[in-house]
C-alpha atoms as a PDB file:
ATOM      1  CA  MET A   1     -18.434  -7.364 -12.289  1.00  0.00           C
ATOM      2  CA  SER A   2     -16.068  -6.949  -8.935  1.00  0.00           C
ATOM      3  CA  LYS A   3     -12.428  -7.860  -9.364  1.00  0.00           C
ATOM      4  CA  ARG A   4      -9.728  -8.841  -6.903  1.00  0.00           C
ATOM      5  CA  ILE A   5      -6.969  -6.603  -7.512  1.00  0.00           C
ATOM      6  CA  ALA A   6      -3.153  -6.438  -5.958  1.00  0.00           C
ATOM      7  CA  VAL A   7      -1.058  -3.399  -5.876  1.00  0.00           C
ATOM      8  CA  VAL A   8       2.158  -4.400  -5.233  1.00  0.00           C
ATOM      9  CA  ILE A   9       4.218  -1.107  -4.100  1.00  0.00           C
ATOM     10  CA  SER A  10       8.033  -1.569  -3.948  1.00  0.00           C
ATOM     11  CA  GLY A  11       9.952   1.619  -4.857  1.00  0.00           C
ATOM     12  CA  ASP A  12      11.637   3.157  -2.112  1.00  0.00           C
ATOM     13  CA  PRO A  13       8.778   6.576  -1.481  1.00  0.00           C
ATOM     14  CA  THR A  14      12.321   8.796  -0.560  1.00  0.00           C
ATOM     15  CA  VAL A  15      14.117   8.532  -4.332  1.00  0.00           C
ATOM     16  CA  THR A  16      10.990   8.827  -6.336  1.00  0.00           C
ATOM     17  CA  GLY A  17       7.628   9.773  -6.204  1.00  0.00           C
ATOM     18  CA  ARG A  18       6.866   6.588  -7.891  1.00  0.00           C
ATOM     19  CA  PRO A  19       5.200   4.881  -4.726  1.00  0.00           C
ATOM     20  CA  VAL A  20       2.877   7.572  -3.574  1.00  0.00           C
ATOM     21  CA  GLU A  21       1.046   7.571  -7.399  1.00  0.00           C
ATOM     22  CA  ALA A  22       1.015   3.909  -7.061  1.00  0.00           C
ATOM     23  CA  LEU A  23      -1.364   4.259  -3.772  1.00  0.00           C
ATOM     24  CA  ARG A  24      -3.005   7.033  -5.251  1.00  0.00           C
ATOM     25  CA  ILE A  25      -3.798   4.698  -8.317  1.00  0.00           C
ATOM     26  CA  ALA A  26      -4.447   2.395  -5.386  1.00  0.00           C
ATOM     27  CA  LEU A  27      -7.311   4.495  -3.920  1.00  0.00           C
ATOM     28  CA  GLY A  28      -8.800   5.077  -7.545  1.00  0.00           C
ATOM     29  CA  LEU A  29      -9.261   1.556  -8.338  1.00  0.00           C
ATOM     30  CA  CYS A  30     -10.851   1.014  -4.657  1.00  0.00           C
ATOM     31  CA  ALA A  31     -13.759   4.038  -5.706  1.00  0.00           C
ATOM     32  CA  GLY A  32     -15.550   0.900  -7.753  1.00  0.00           C
ATOM     33  CA  ASP A  33     -16.880  -2.349  -6.443  1.00  0.00           C
ATOM     34  CA  HIS A  34     -13.384  -3.929  -6.848  1.00  0.00           C
ATOM     35  CA  GLU A  35     -11.912  -5.384  -3.549  1.00  0.00           C
ATOM     36  CA  THR A  36      -8.343  -4.151  -3.568  1.00  0.00           C
ATOM     37  CA  THR A  37      -5.677  -5.012  -1.069  1.00  0.00           C
ATOM     38  CA  VAL A  38      -1.996  -3.238  -1.345  1.00  0.00           C
ATOM     39  CA  VAL A  39       1.268  -4.849  -0.834  1.00  0.00           C
ATOM     40  CA  LEU A  40       4.298  -3.040   0.385  1.00  0.00           C
ATOM     41  CA  LEU A  41       8.053  -4.117  -0.061  1.00  0.00           C
ATOM     42  CA  ASP A  42      10.898  -3.237   0.615  1.00  0.00           C
ATOM     43  CA  HIS A  43      11.289   0.236   1.977  1.00  0.00           C
ATOM     44  CA  ALA A  44       7.612   1.071   0.593  1.00  0.00           C
ATOM     45  CA  PRO A  45       6.079   0.696   4.572  1.00  0.00           C
ATOM     46  CA  SER A  46       7.189   3.781   4.772  1.00  0.00           C
ATOM     47  CA  LEU A  47       4.689   5.452   3.608  1.00  0.00           C
ATOM     48  CA  LEU A  48       2.289   4.660   6.467  1.00  0.00           C
ATOM     49  CA  MET A  49       5.275   5.740   9.120  1.00  0.00           C
ATOM     50  CA  GLU A  50       4.552   9.222  10.964  1.00  0.00           C
ATOM     51  CA  ASN A  51       7.666  10.538   9.939  1.00  0.00           C
ATOM     52  CA  THR A  52       7.332  11.362   6.619  1.00  0.00           C
ATOM     53  CA  GLU A  53       9.361  14.456   6.068  1.00  0.00           C
ATOM     54  CA  GLU A  54      12.004  12.608   3.293  1.00  0.00           C
ATOM     55  CA  ILE A  55       9.411  11.499   1.120  1.00  0.00           C
ATOM     56  CA  VAL A  56       9.249  12.697  -2.118  1.00  0.00           C
ATOM     57  CA  ASP A  57       5.777  14.412  -2.745  1.00  0.00           C
ATOM     58  CA  VAL A  58       4.801  13.742   0.963  1.00  0.00           C
ATOM     59  CA  ASP A  59       1.884  16.576   0.302  1.00  0.00           C
ATOM     60  CA  ILE A  60       0.117  14.042  -2.447  1.00  0.00           C
ATOM     61  CA  LEU A  61       0.399  11.500  -0.012  1.00  0.00           C
ATOM     62  CA  GLU A  62      -1.025  13.132   2.988  1.00  0.00           C
ATOM     63  CA  LYS A  63      -4.073  13.791   1.361  1.00  0.00           C
ATOM     64  CA  TYR A  64      -4.800  10.233   0.039  1.00  0.00           C
ATOM     65  CA  LEU A  65      -3.706   8.619   3.950  1.00  0.00           C
ATOM     66  CA  PRO A  66      -6.927   9.577   5.460  1.00  0.00           C
ATOM     67  CA  SER A  67      -8.899   8.219   2.416  1.00  0.00           C
ATOM     68  CA  PHE A  68      -7.573   4.344   2.927  1.00  0.00           C
ATOM     69  CA  GLN A  69      -7.836   4.776   6.954  1.00  0.00           C
ATOM     70  CA  HIS A  70     -11.623   5.546   6.128  1.00  0.00           C
ATOM     71  CA  LEU A  71     -12.249   2.610   3.684  1.00  0.00           C
ATOM     72  CA  ALA A  72     -10.378   0.478   5.793  1.00  0.00           C
ATOM     73  CA  ILE A  73      -8.318  -0.586   2.441  1.00  0.00           C
ATOM     74  CA  PRO A  74      -5.876  -3.346   3.438  1.00  0.00           C
ATOM     75  CA  PHE A  75      -2.326  -3.218   3.270  1.00  0.00           C
ATOM     76  CA  VAL A  76       0.543  -6.436   3.299  1.00  0.00           C
ATOM     77  CA  VAL A  77       3.923  -6.313   4.493  1.00  0.00           C
ATOM     78  CA  GLU A  78       6.537  -8.714   4.819  1.00  0.00           C
ATOM     79  CA  PRO A  79       7.655  -9.644   8.106  1.00  0.00           C
ATOM     80  CA  GLY A  80      10.453  -8.016  10.126  1.00  0.00           C
ATOM     81  CA  THR A  81       8.500  -4.701   8.796  1.00  0.00           C
ATOM     82  CA  ARG A  82       9.778  -1.672  11.334  1.00  0.00           C
ATOM     83  CA  ILE A  83       6.292  -0.525  11.864  1.00  0.00           C
ATOM     84  CA  ASP A  84       5.567   2.769  13.988  1.00  0.00           C
ATOM     85  CA  THR A  85       2.338   4.293  15.529  1.00  0.00           C
ATOM     86  CA  LEU A  86       1.019   5.823  12.479  1.00  0.00           C
ATOM     87  CA  SER A  87       0.602   1.990  10.992  1.00  0.00           C
ATOM     88  CA  ASP A  88      -1.667   1.411  13.393  1.00  0.00           C
ATOM     89  CA  ASP A  89      -4.203   3.296  12.530  1.00  0.00           C
ATOM     90  CA  PHE A  90      -4.255   1.442   9.025  1.00  0.00           C
ATOM     91  CA  SER A  91      -5.333  -1.868   8.449  1.00  0.00           C
ATOM     92  CA  VAL A  92      -1.860  -3.654   8.197  1.00  0.00           C
ATOM     93  CA  ASN A  93      -1.291  -7.164   7.416  1.00  0.00           C
ATOM     94  CA  ILE A  94       2.164  -9.273   8.104  1.00  0.00           C
ATOM     95  CA  LEU A  95       2.252 -12.308   5.690  1.00  0.00           C
ATOM     96  CA  PRO A  96       5.401 -13.983   4.982  1.00  0.00           C
ATOM     97  CA  ALA A  97       6.992 -13.743   1.345  1.00  0.00           C
ATOM     98  CA  ASP A  98       5.453 -17.209   0.437  1.00  0.00           C
ATOM     99  CA  GLU A  99       2.043 -16.212   1.100  1.00  0.00           C
ATOM    100  CA  ILE A 100       2.026 -12.821  -0.489  1.00  0.00           C
ATOM    101  CA  ARG A 101       3.097 -14.716  -3.143  1.00  0.00           C
ATOM    102  CA  ARG A 102       0.268 -17.027  -3.141  1.00  0.00           C
ATOM    103  CA  LEU A 103      -2.195 -13.841  -2.685  1.00  0.00           C
ATOM    104  CA  ILE A 104      -0.656 -12.197  -5.942  1.00  0.00           C
ATOM    105  CA  ARG A 105      -1.470 -15.161  -7.967  1.00  0.00           C
ATOM    106  CA  SER A 106      -4.981 -15.697  -6.890  1.00  0.00           C
ATOM    107  CA  VAL A 107      -6.363 -11.973  -7.345  1.00  0.00           C
ATOM    108  CA  ASP A 108      -7.824 -11.074 -10.934  1.00  0.00           C
ATOM    109  CA  ARG A 109      -5.452  -8.298 -11.684  1.00  0.00           C
ATOM    110  CA  SER A 110      -2.001  -7.032 -10.060  1.00  0.00           C
ATOM    111  CA  LEU A 111      -0.797  -3.709 -10.764  1.00  0.00           C
ATOM    112  CA  VAL A 112       3.666  -3.551 -10.152  1.00  0.00           C
ATOM    113  CA  PHE A 113       5.244  -0.386  -9.182  1.00  0.00           C
END
């Protein structure tokens, strides 16, 4: 049975490999028929930026990002988040904090990293 899933990532990818691993897990959840949304908070939106040279495990990130583009997996960020040209290649929605909370409460499952 299909589930609605939110994967919330808030770590700093220049400090830890956890945000990249969380993206890999999110992609794995999309392999089934689940409706998955990835919420990027704090420093996590830098995963979708052009300048990724300081990101821990950037080689893994570069391997999986094309799949997110191809599958049009939706990303959610907060207003005021700096978004550059690379993020134009992704399905990025800007939602206020209260709508992000509502989204997370409305899904069947959520994973928080």
